Amino acid sequence: MSAVDVERYRRDGYLVLKRQFAVEALDACLEDIYAVFNGMARRWRLTAPEARDLPSLTAVMTAVFDRDVASFMAAGKLAQHTIALHRLGCDEAMLAPLRAVGLQAPVIATRPVIFIIHDALKVPGGYHKSPPHQDWRSMQGSLDSAVVWIPFADVAPGGHALEVLPGSHMRGLLPTEEDAFGHRVDDAALPTSGFVALELERGDAVLFSSFLVHRTGQAGGQTARLAASYRYNNVLEPTFVERGYPNPYIYRPDLTVLTPGFPEPERLAAVFGPHQKVAAE
């Protein structure tokens, strides 16, 4: 990354990284995500396409959604824990730009977040397209914390593009109002114009400050817009250290048995019993 790129990032609050990630890495992520939704398709005995591309994944997701919204949501949550997605978050292609813009010691803020945007996949009662917001409100980490946003296919301005408000990171933490999304920036704090829709090719990414105001473009196409967001703090940023590394994310298990009566001993015997083939030593 050049000095000009770094200065542009500091001025605008974001930077488009062209051809930053290998398409093979993105293919691996799609494979893993497809496997999750295909598992739910098999549960409901739904027919799934053989291909593992985004149109096929869209078809599988739509079929699951139409059959059972709760299954769709469960698959969407589990997809955020797939191996390829986490591997991408620790790749040098991810970390090098973070260090270049000043995060001397990047640390993962939370698990990757997958965004599935398609008009046929709007969950009743939930939010659909992200309203104007700042990610720092949910992170509350280092002042230089950053986000890397990666689409899994080309994204044009008319395809639910990521829309950013250049320079808005310099305005600090803006007031918010009630919204199903959780932390929508108050309309009174936003200009009437100025958002920029980013056109991205597969393999591109957007690096932006967690204070940058951004949103999902309203117009979309026939295929789901699938993207992943990775969030990072800087271990060495002084205010992050002084505040004792605050972390607003709550990780704790629900110790109740979620499937009553499960598992029965017979099921465990089927998994671990002597009839199972054991790999040669």
C-alpha atoms as a PDB file:
ATOM      1  CA  MET A   1       0.000   0.000   0.000  1.00  0.00           C
ATOM      2  CA  SER A   2       1.397   3.379  -1.018  1.00  0.00           C
ATOM      3  CA  ALA A   3       1.684   6.530   1.097  1.00  0.00           C
ATOM      4  CA  VAL A   4      -0.991   8.071  -1.150  1.00  0.00           C
ATOM      5  CA  ASP A   5      -3.354   5.208  -0.292  1.00  0.00           C
ATOM      6  CA  VAL A   6      -2.741   5.661   3.418  1.00  0.00           C
ATOM      7  CA  GLU A   7      -3.368   9.396   3.178  1.00  0.00           C
ATOM      8  CA  ARG A   8      -6.587   8.771   1.223  1.00  0.00           C
ATOM      9  CA  TYR A   9      -7.724   6.345   3.913  1.00  0.00           C
ATOM     10  CA  ARG A  10      -7.015   8.905   6.649  1.00  0.00           C
ATOM     11  CA  ARG A  11      -8.882  11.610   4.726  1.00  0.00           C
ATOM     12  CA  ASP A  12     -11.920   9.672   3.451  1.00  0.00           C
ATOM     13  CA  GLY A  13     -12.161   6.973   6.126  1.00  0.00           C
ATOM     14  CA  TYR A  14     -12.145   4.142   3.611  1.00  0.00           C
ATOM     15  CA  LEU A  15     -10.084   2.582   0.858  1.00  0.00           C
ATOM     16  CA  VAL A  16     -11.038   0.134  -1.894  1.00  0.00           C
ATOM     17  CA  LEU A  17      -8.474  -2.683  -2.070  1.00  0.00           C
ATOM     18  CA  LYS A  18      -8.392  -3.970  -5.641  1.00  0.00           C
ATOM     19  CA  ARG A  19      -7.826  -7.719  -6.193  1.00  0.00           C
ATOM     20  CA  GLN A  20      -6.832  -8.110  -2.555  1.00  0.00           C
ATOM     21  CA  PHE A  21      -8.074 -11.670  -2.080  1.00  0.00           C
ATOM     22  CA  ALA A  22      -7.614 -14.776  -4.219  1.00  0.00           C
ATOM     23  CA  VAL A  23     -10.823 -16.029  -5.803  1.00  0.00           C
ATOM     24  CA  GLU A  24      -9.873 -19.517  -4.587  1.00  0.00           C
ATOM     25  CA  ALA A  25     -10.182 -18.298  -0.993  1.00  0.00           C
ATOM     26  CA  LEU A  26     -13.605 -16.857  -1.747  1.00  0.00           C
ATOM     27  CA  ASP A  27     -14.621 -20.107  -3.461  1.00  0.00           C
ATOM     28  CA  ALA A  28     -13.665 -22.007  -0.302  1.00  0.00           C
ATOM     29  CA  CYS A  29     -15.881 -19.713   1.777  1.00  0.00           C
ATOM     30  CA  LEU A  30     -18.815 -20.238  -0.597  1.00  0.00           C
ATOM     31  CA  GLU A  31     -18.285 -24.011  -0.448  1.00  0.00           C
ATOM     32  CA  ASP A  32     -18.496 -23.962   3.339  1.00  0.00           C
ATOM     33  CA  ILE A  33     -21.524 -21.668   3.413  1.00  0.00           C
ATOM     34  CA  TYR A  34     -23.272 -23.776   0.769  1.00  0.00           C
ATOM     35  CA  ALA A  35     -22.647 -26.915   2.851  1.00  0.00           C
ATOM     36  CA  VAL A  36     -24.398 -25.330   5.836  1.00  0.00           C
ATOM     37  CA  PHE A  37     -27.513 -24.314   3.914  1.00  0.00           C
ATOM     38  CA  ASN A  38     -27.505 -27.572   1.968  1.00  0.00           C
ATOM     39  CA  GLY A  39     -27.604 -29.412   5.293  1.00  0.00           C
ATOM     40  CA  MET A  40     -30.826 -27.619   6.117  1.00  0.00           C
ATOM     41  CA  ALA A  41     -32.133 -28.360   2.605  1.00  0.00           C
ATOM     42  CA  ARG A  42     -31.537 -32.070   3.212  1.00  0.00           C
ATOM     43  CA  ARG A  43     -33.312 -31.816   6.569  1.00  0.00           C
ATOM     44  CA  TRP A  44     -36.447 -30.643   4.776  1.00  0.00           C
ATOM     45  CA  ARG A  45     -35.888 -32.933   1.748  1.00  0.00           C
ATOM     46  CA  LEU A  46     -35.497 -30.008  -0.600  1.00  0.00           C
ATOM     47  CA  THR A  47     -33.811 -30.265  -3.985  1.00  0.00           C
ATOM     48  CA  ALA A  48     -30.518 -28.363  -4.179  1.00  0.00           C
ATOM     49  CA  PRO A  49     -28.482 -27.437  -7.289  1.00  0.00           C
ATOM     50  CA  GLU A  50     -25.199 -29.272  -7.828  1.00  0.00           C
ATOM     51  CA  ALA A  51     -23.160 -26.138  -8.547  1.00  0.00           C
ATOM     52  CA  ARG A  52     -21.553 -24.229  -5.682  1.00  0.00           C
ATOM     53  CA  ASP A  53     -21.740 -20.743  -7.183  1.00  0.00           C
ATOM     54  CA  LEU A  54     -23.673 -17.781  -5.795  1.00  0.00           C
ATOM     55  CA  PRO A  55     -26.819 -18.292  -7.938  1.00  0.00           C
ATOM     56  CA  SER A  56     -27.015 -21.897  -6.715  1.00  0.00           C
ATOM     57  CA  LEU A  57     -26.457 -20.804  -3.129  1.00  0.00           C
ATOM     58  CA  THR A  58     -29.219 -18.226  -3.583  1.00  0.00           C
ATOM     59  CA  ALA A  59     -31.563 -20.986  -4.771  1.00  0.00           C
ATOM     60  CA  VAL A  60     -30.724 -23.184  -1.755  1.00  0.00           C
ATOM     61  CA  MET A  61     -31.127 -20.314   0.711  1.00  0.00           C
ATOM     62  CA  THR A  62     -34.453 -19.310  -0.844  1.00  0.00           C
ATOM     63  CA  ALA A  63     -35.744 -22.884  -0.718  1.00  0.00           C
ATOM     64  CA  VAL A  64     -34.837 -23.204   2.972  1.00  0.00           C
ATOM     65  CA  PHE A  65     -36.255 -19.763   3.756  1.00  0.00           C
ATOM     66  CA  ASP A  66     -39.569 -20.574   2.045  1.00  0.00           C
ATOM     67  CA  ARG A  67     -39.807 -23.877   3.944  1.00  0.00           C
ATOM     68  CA  ASP A  68     -38.816 -22.680   7.411  1.00  0.00           C
ATOM     69  CA  VAL A  69     -37.520 -19.232   8.367  1.00  0.00           C
ATOM     70  CA  ALA A  70     -36.081 -20.489  11.658  1.00  0.00           C
ATOM     71  CA  SER A  71     -33.943 -23.020   9.762  1.00  0.00           C
ATOM     72  CA  PHE A  72     -32.721 -20.278   7.437  1.00  0.00           C
ATOM     73  CA  MET A  73     -31.722 -18.098  10.378  1.00  0.00           C
ATOM     74  CA  ALA A  74     -29.983 -20.992  12.147  1.00  0.00           C
ATOM     75  CA  ALA A  75     -28.002 -21.776   8.993  1.00  0.00           C
ATOM     76  CA  GLY A  76     -27.078 -18.111   8.561  1.00  0.00           C
ATOM     77  CA  LYS A  77     -25.716 -17.958  12.101  1.00  0.00           C
ATOM     78  CA  LEU A  78     -23.759 -21.207  11.741  1.00  0.00           C
ATOM     79  CA  ALA A  79     -22.289 -20.071   8.409  1.00  0.00           C
ATOM     80  CA  GLN A  80     -20.451 -17.337  10.312  1.00  0.00           C
ATOM     81  CA  HIS A  81     -18.451 -20.033  12.103  1.00  0.00           C
ATOM     82  CA  THR A  82     -17.212 -21.913   9.015  1.00  0.00           C
ATOM     83  CA  ILE A  83     -13.509 -22.696   8.739  1.00  0.00           C
ATOM     84  CA  ALA A  84     -12.726 -21.016   5.410  1.00  0.00           C
ATOM     85  CA  LEU A  85     -14.355 -17.796   6.568  1.00  0.00           C
ATOM     86  CA  HIS A  86     -12.223 -17.692   9.718  1.00  0.00           C
ATOM     87  CA  ARG A  87      -9.088 -18.661   7.813  1.00  0.00           C
ATOM     88  CA  LEU A  88      -9.610 -15.675   5.527  1.00  0.00           C
ATOM     89  CA  GLY A  89      -9.802 -13.397   8.566  1.00  0.00           C
ATOM     90  CA  CYS A  90      -6.274 -14.345   9.621  1.00  0.00           C
ATOM     91  CA  ASP A  91      -4.711 -14.317   6.150  1.00  0.00           C
ATOM     92  CA  GLU A  92      -1.816 -11.959   5.502  1.00  0.00           C
ATOM     93  CA  ALA A  93      -3.873 -10.391   2.715  1.00  0.00           C
ATOM     94  CA  MET A  94      -6.229  -9.287   5.467  1.00  0.00           C
ATOM     95  CA  LEU A  95      -3.660  -8.209   8.044  1.00  0.00           C
ATOM     96  CA  ALA A  96      -1.185  -6.340   5.833  1.00  0.00           C
ATOM     97  CA  PRO A  97      -3.582  -3.465   4.939  1.00  0.00           C
ATOM     98  CA  LEU A  98      -4.545  -3.096   8.602  1.00  0.00           C
ATOM     99  CA  ARG A  99      -0.925  -2.663   9.614  1.00  0.00           C
ATOM    100  CA  ALA A 100      -0.340  -0.280   6.720  1.00  0.00           C
ATOM    101  CA  VAL A 101      -2.994   2.154   7.977  1.00  0.00           C
ATOM    102  CA  GLY A 102      -1.685   2.088  11.541  1.00  0.00           C
ATOM    103  CA  LEU A 103      -2.993  -0.958  13.411  1.00  0.00           C
ATOM    104  CA  GLN A 104       0.429  -2.116  14.625  1.00  0.00           C
ATOM    105  CA  ALA A 105      -0.994  -5.140  16.442  1.00  0.00           C
ATOM    106  CA  PRO A 106      -4.374  -6.111  14.985  1.00  0.00           C
ATOM    107  CA  VAL A 107      -6.660  -8.271  17.108  1.00  0.00           C
ATOM    108  CA  ILE A 108      -9.998  -9.756  16.078  1.00  0.00           C
ATOM    109  CA  ALA A 109     -12.926  -7.879  17.626  1.00  0.00           C
ATOM    110  CA  THR A 110     -15.599 -10.505  16.953  1.00  0.00           C
ATOM    111  CA  ARG A 111     -16.434 -13.388  14.632  1.00  0.00           C
ATOM    112  CA  PRO A 112     -16.965 -12.578  10.955  1.00  0.00           C
ATOM    113  CA  VAL A 113     -20.403 -11.236  10.109  1.00  0.00           C
ATOM    114  CA  ILE A 114     -22.136 -12.516   6.983  1.00  0.00           C
ATOM    115  CA  PHE A 115     -24.638 -10.253   5.257  1.00  0.00           C
ATOM    116  CA  ILE A 116     -27.240 -11.935   3.051  1.00  0.00           C
ATOM    117  CA  ILE A 117     -29.262  -9.325   1.186  1.00  0.00           C
ATOM    118  CA  HIS A 118     -32.058 -10.385  -1.140  1.00  0.00           C
ATOM    119  CA  ASP A 119     -35.644  -9.160  -1.351  1.00  0.00           C
ATOM    120  CA  ALA A 120     -36.896 -12.781  -1.222  1.00  0.00           C
ATOM    121  CA  LEU A 121     -35.019 -13.386   2.052  1.00  0.00           C
ATOM    122  CA  LYS A 122     -36.458 -10.669   4.282  1.00  0.00           C
ATOM    123  CA  VAL A 123     -36.983 -12.099   7.769  1.00  0.00           C
ATOM    124  CA  PRO A 124     -40.348 -10.993   9.231  1.00  0.00           C
ATOM    125  CA  GLY A 125     -39.864  -8.583  12.100  1.00  0.00           C
ATOM    126  CA  GLY A 126     -36.148  -8.187  11.493  1.00  0.00           C
ATOM    127  CA  TYR A 127     -34.052  -5.668   9.624  1.00  0.00           C
ATOM    128  CA  HIS A 128     -33.264  -6.341   5.988  1.00  0.00           C
ATOM    129  CA  LYS A 129     -30.875  -3.763   4.558  1.00  0.00           C
ATOM    130  CA  SER A 130     -28.476  -2.037   6.928  1.00  0.00           C
ATOM    131  CA  PRO A 131     -29.444   1.586   7.632  1.00  0.00           C
ATOM    132  CA  PRO A 132     -26.775   4.294   8.035  1.00  0.00           C
ATOM    133  CA  HIS A 133     -24.629   3.276  10.994  1.00  0.00           C
ATOM    134  CA  GLN A 134     -21.134   3.265  12.499  1.00  0.00           C
ATOM    135  CA  ASP A 135     -19.612  -0.055  13.516  1.00  0.00           C
ATOM    136  CA  TRP A 136     -17.681   1.478  16.425  1.00  0.00           C
ATOM    137  CA  ARG A 137     -20.893   1.738  18.452  1.00  0.00           C
ATOM    138  CA  SER A 138     -21.044  -2.069  18.617  1.00  0.00           C
ATOM    139  CA  MET A 139     -17.249  -2.532  18.906  1.00  0.00           C
ATOM    140  CA  GLN A 140     -16.179   0.251  21.325  1.00  0.00           C
ATOM    141  CA  GLY A 141     -12.546  -0.733  20.879  1.00  0.00           C
ATOM    142  CA  SER A 142      -9.504   1.167  19.675  1.00  0.00           C
ATOM    143  CA  LEU A 143      -9.961   4.576  18.049  1.00  0.00           C
ATOM    144  CA  ASP A 144      -8.217   3.295  14.929  1.00  0.00           C
ATOM    145  CA  SER A 145     -10.308   0.101  14.786  1.00  0.00           C
ATOM    146  CA  ALA A 146     -11.097  -0.924  11.252  1.00  0.00           C
ATOM    147  CA  VAL A 147     -13.445  -3.086   9.225  1.00  0.00           C
ATOM    148  CA  VAL A 148     -12.719  -5.114   6.103  1.00  0.00           C
ATOM    149  CA  TRP A 149     -15.807  -5.756   3.954  1.00  0.00           C
ATOM    150  CA  ILE A 150     -15.560  -8.456   1.281  1.00  0.00           C
ATOM    151  CA  PRO A 151     -18.222  -9.291  -1.324  1.00  0.00           C
ATOM    152  CA  PHE A 152     -18.317 -12.837  -2.708  1.00  0.00           C
ATOM    153  CA  ALA A 153     -19.322 -11.640  -6.188  1.00  0.00           C
ATOM    154  CA  ASP A 154     -19.137  -8.454  -8.248  1.00  0.00           C
ATOM    155  CA  VAL A 155     -21.217  -5.654  -6.719  1.00  0.00           C
ATOM    156  CA  ALA A 156     -22.536  -2.812  -8.865  1.00  0.00           C
ATOM    157  CA  PRO A 157     -24.312   0.325  -7.577  1.00  0.00           C
ATOM    158  CA  GLY A 158     -27.649  -1.301  -8.450  1.00  0.00           C
ATOM    159  CA  GLY A 159     -26.855  -4.543  -6.627  1.00  0.00           C
ATOM    160  CA  HIS A 160     -27.286  -3.621  -2.963  1.00  0.00           C
ATOM    161  CA  ALA A 161     -23.879  -1.953  -3.022  1.00  0.00           C
ATOM    162  CA  LEU A 162     -22.057  -0.822   0.088  1.00  0.00           C
ATOM    163  CA  GLU A 163     -22.654   2.924   0.350  1.00  0.00           C
ATOM    164  CA  VAL A 164     -20.231   5.050   2.358  1.00  0.00           C
ATOM    165  CA  LEU A 165     -20.204   8.660   3.516  1.00  0.00           C
ATOM    166  CA  PRO A 166     -16.635   9.921   2.887  1.00  0.00           C
ATOM    167  CA  GLY A 167     -15.072  11.851   5.743  1.00  0.00           C
ATOM    168  CA  SER A 168     -17.812  10.964   8.238  1.00  0.00           C
ATOM    169  CA  HIS A 169     -15.284   9.109  10.432  1.00  0.00           C
ATOM    170  CA  MET A 170     -13.939  12.500  11.538  1.00  0.00           C
ATOM    171  CA  ARG A 171     -17.259  13.504  13.125  1.00  0.00           C
ATOM    172  CA  GLY A 172     -16.921  11.128  16.060  1.00  0.00           C
ATOM    173  CA  LEU A 173     -19.641   8.888  17.431  1.00  0.00           C
ATOM    174  CA  LEU A 174     -22.960  10.168  16.119  1.00  0.00           C
ATOM    175  CA  PRO A 175     -26.334  10.000  17.922  1.00  0.00           C
ATOM    176  CA  THR A 176     -28.626   7.105  17.053  1.00  0.00           C
ATOM    177  CA  GLU A 177     -32.343   6.382  16.988  1.00  0.00           C
ATOM    178  CA  GLU A 178     -34.503   3.278  17.522  1.00  0.00           C
ATOM    179  CA  ASP A 179     -34.307   0.735  14.708  1.00  0.00           C
ATOM    180  CA  ALA A 180     -34.631  -3.033  14.244  1.00  0.00           C
ATOM    181  CA  PHE A 181     -30.981  -2.992  13.162  1.00  0.00           C
ATOM    182  CA  GLY A 182     -29.990  -1.727  16.591  1.00  0.00           C
ATOM    183  CA  HIS A 183     -27.935   1.432  16.085  1.00  0.00           C
ATOM    184  CA  ARG A 184     -29.136   3.525  13.170  1.00  0.00           C
ATOM    185  CA  VAL A 185     -27.546   6.970  12.953  1.00  0.00           C
ATOM    186  CA  ASP A 186     -30.113   9.673  13.638  1.00  0.00           C
ATOM    187  CA  ASP A 187     -31.345  11.173  10.353  1.00  0.00           C
ATOM    188  CA  ALA A 188     -30.843  14.653  11.791  1.00  0.00           C
ATOM    189  CA  ALA A 189     -27.096  13.959  12.027  1.00  0.00           C
ATOM    190  CA  LEU A 190     -26.798  13.010   8.345  1.00  0.00           C
ATOM    191  CA  PRO A 191     -26.494  15.185   5.233  1.00  0.00           C
ATOM    192  CA  THR A 192     -29.206  14.953   2.596  1.00  0.00           C
ATOM    193  CA  SER A 193     -26.650  13.721   0.045  1.00  0.00           C
ATOM    194  CA  GLY A 194     -23.054  12.557  -0.195  1.00  0.00           C
ATOM    195  CA  PHE A 195     -23.226   8.769   0.090  1.00  0.00           C
ATOM    196  CA  VAL A 196     -21.060   6.964  -2.470  1.00  0.00           C
ATOM    197  CA  ALA A 197     -22.055   3.527  -3.830  1.00  0.00           C
ATOM    198  CA  LEU A 198     -18.928   1.395  -4.253  1.00  0.00           C
ATOM    199  CA  GLU A 199     -18.555  -0.767  -7.347  1.00  0.00           C
ATOM    200  CA  LEU A 200     -16.469  -3.830  -6.541  1.00  0.00           C
ATOM    201  CA  GLU A 201     -15.192  -6.848  -8.420  1.00  0.00           C
ATOM    202  CA  ARG A 202     -14.781 -10.314  -6.976  1.00  0.00           C
ATOM    203  CA  GLY A 203     -11.551 -10.332  -4.991  1.00  0.00           C
ATOM    204  CA  ASP A 204     -11.840  -6.638  -4.073  1.00  0.00           C
ATOM    205  CA  ALA A 205     -12.453  -5.468  -0.516  1.00  0.00           C
ATOM    206  CA  VAL A 206     -13.195  -2.245   1.323  1.00  0.00           C
ATOM    207  CA  LEU A 207     -11.100  -1.225   4.318  1.00  0.00           C
ATOM    208  CA  PHE A 208     -12.812   1.429   6.426  1.00  0.00           C
ATOM    209  CA  SER A 209     -12.688   3.092   9.817  1.00  0.00           C
ATOM    210  CA  SER A 210     -15.208   1.778  12.320  1.00  0.00           C
ATOM    211  CA  PHE A 211     -16.414   5.404  12.647  1.00  0.00           C
ATOM    212  CA  LEU A 212     -17.285   5.685   8.945  1.00  0.00           C
ATOM    213  CA  VAL A 213     -21.032   5.992   8.316  1.00  0.00           C
ATOM    214  CA  HIS A 214     -22.150   3.364   5.815  1.00  0.00           C
ATOM    215  CA  ARG A 215     -25.318   1.555   4.700  1.00  0.00           C
ATOM    216  CA  THR A 216     -26.731  -0.990   2.238  1.00  0.00           C
ATOM    217  CA  GLY A 217     -27.904   0.277  -1.135  1.00  0.00           C
ATOM    218  CA  GLN A 218     -31.639  -0.195  -1.625  1.00  0.00           C
ATOM    219  CA  ALA A 219     -31.642  -1.452  -5.236  1.00  0.00           C
ATOM    220  CA  GLY A 220     -30.807  -5.099  -5.901  1.00  0.00           C
ATOM    221  CA  GLY A 221     -30.923  -7.889  -8.469  1.00  0.00           C
ATOM    222  CA  GLN A 222     -32.106 -11.486  -8.812  1.00  0.00           C
ATOM    223  CA  THR A 223     -29.132 -12.999  -6.962  1.00  0.00           C
ATOM    224  CA  ALA A 224     -28.463 -12.536  -3.259  1.00  0.00           C
ATOM    225  CA  ARG A 225     -25.721 -10.108  -2.345  1.00  0.00           C
ATOM    226  CA  LEU A 226     -23.450 -12.058  -0.045  1.00  0.00           C
ATOM    227  CA  ALA A 227     -20.650 -10.310   1.820  1.00  0.00           C
ATOM    228  CA  ALA A 228     -18.549 -10.797   4.936  1.00  0.00           C
ATOM    229  CA  SER A 229     -17.414  -8.147   7.397  1.00  0.00           C
ATOM    230  CA  TYR A 230     -14.304  -8.531   9.564  1.00  0.00           C
ATOM    231  CA  ARG A 231     -13.641  -6.198  12.506  1.00  0.00           C
ATOM    232  CA  TYR A 232     -10.295  -5.481  14.142  1.00  0.00           C
ATOM    233  CA  ASN A 233      -8.942  -3.498  17.065  1.00  0.00           C
ATOM    234  CA  ASN A 234      -5.367  -2.360  17.669  1.00  0.00           C
ATOM    235  CA  VAL A 235      -3.865  -3.816  20.858  1.00  0.00           C
ATOM    236  CA  LEU A 236      -1.383  -0.935  21.097  1.00  0.00           C
ATOM    237  CA  GLU A 237      -3.759   2.020  20.642  1.00  0.00           C
ATOM    238  CA  PRO A 238      -3.329   4.079  23.869  1.00  0.00           C
ATOM    239  CA  THR A 239      -6.988   4.737  24.700  1.00  0.00           C
ATOM    240  CA  PHE A 240      -7.853   1.068  24.151  1.00  0.00           C
ATOM    241  CA  VAL A 241      -5.160   0.124  26.668  1.00  0.00           C
ATOM    242  CA  GLU A 242      -6.156   2.866  29.136  1.00  0.00           C
ATOM    243  CA  ARG A 243      -9.793   1.742  29.117  1.00  0.00           C
ATOM    244  CA  GLY A 244      -8.767  -1.833  29.943  1.00  0.00           C
ATOM    245  CA  TYR A 245      -9.601  -3.395  26.560  1.00  0.00           C
ATOM    246  CA  PRO A 246     -13.405  -2.961  26.780  1.00  0.00           C
ATOM    247  CA  ASN A 247     -15.383  -5.672  25.011  1.00  0.00           C
ATOM    248  CA  PRO A 248     -19.158  -5.264  24.528  1.00  0.00           C
ATOM    249  CA  TYR A 249     -19.645  -8.742  23.058  1.00  0.00           C
ATOM    250  CA  ILE A 250     -21.102 -11.315  25.438  1.00  0.00           C
ATOM    251  CA  TYR A 251     -20.072 -14.950  24.968  1.00  0.00           C
ATOM    252  CA  ARG A 252     -21.687 -17.475  27.289  1.00  0.00           C
ATOM    253  CA  PRO A 253     -23.479 -20.780  26.758  1.00  0.00           C
ATOM    254  CA  ASP A 254     -27.104 -21.585  27.408  1.00  0.00           C
ATOM    255  CA  LEU A 255     -26.707 -24.661  29.606  1.00  0.00           C
ATOM    256  CA  THR A 256     -30.271 -25.848  29.152  1.00  0.00           C
ATOM    257  CA  VAL A 257     -30.680 -28.846  26.843  1.00  0.00           C
ATOM    258  CA  LEU A 258     -31.895 -27.261  23.616  1.00  0.00           C
ATOM    259  CA  THR A 259     -33.246 -30.541  22.218  1.00  0.00           C
ATOM    260  CA  PRO A 260     -35.125 -32.221  25.094  1.00  0.00           C
ATOM    261  CA  GLY A 261     -34.163 -35.856  25.675  1.00  0.00           C
ATOM    262  CA  PHE A 262     -31.196 -35.683  23.318  1.00  0.00           C
ATOM    263  CA  PRO A 263     -28.859 -37.512  22.979  1.00  0.00           C
ATOM    264  CA  GLU A 264     -29.967 -41.018  23.861  1.00  0.00           C
ATOM    265  CA  PRO A 265     -27.201 -43.580  24.600  1.00  0.00           C
ATOM    266  CA  GLU A 266     -28.138 -45.492  21.449  1.00  0.00           C
ATOM    267  CA  ARG A 267     -27.252 -42.499  19.305  1.00  0.00           C
ATOM    268  CA  LEU A 268     -23.813 -42.268  20.900  1.00  0.00           C
ATOM    269  CA  ALA A 269     -23.329 -46.004  20.418  1.00  0.00           C
ATOM    270  CA  ALA A 270     -24.077 -45.525  16.726  1.00  0.00           C
ATOM    271  CA  VAL A 271     -21.312 -42.922  16.536  1.00  0.00           C
ATOM    272  CA  PHE A 272     -18.652 -44.538  18.732  1.00  0.00           C
ATOM    273  CA  GLY A 273     -19.598 -48.213  18.617  1.00  0.00           C
ATOM    274  CA  PRO A 274     -17.195 -50.977  17.475  1.00  0.00           C
ATOM    275  CA  HIS A 275     -18.878 -51.278  14.075  1.00  0.00           C
ATOM    276  CA  GLN A 276     -17.394 -47.921  13.077  1.00  0.00           C
ATOM    277  CA  LYS A 277     -14.420 -48.150  10.736  1.00  0.00           C
ATOM    278  CA  VAL A 278     -11.173 -47.043  12.336  1.00  0.00           C
ATOM    279  CA  ALA A 279      -8.388 -45.551  10.197  1.00  0.00           C
ATOM    280  CA  ALA A 280      -5.247 -47.637  10.044  1.00  0.00           C
ATOM    281  CA  GLU A 281      -2.518 -46.491  12.403  1.00  0.00           C
END
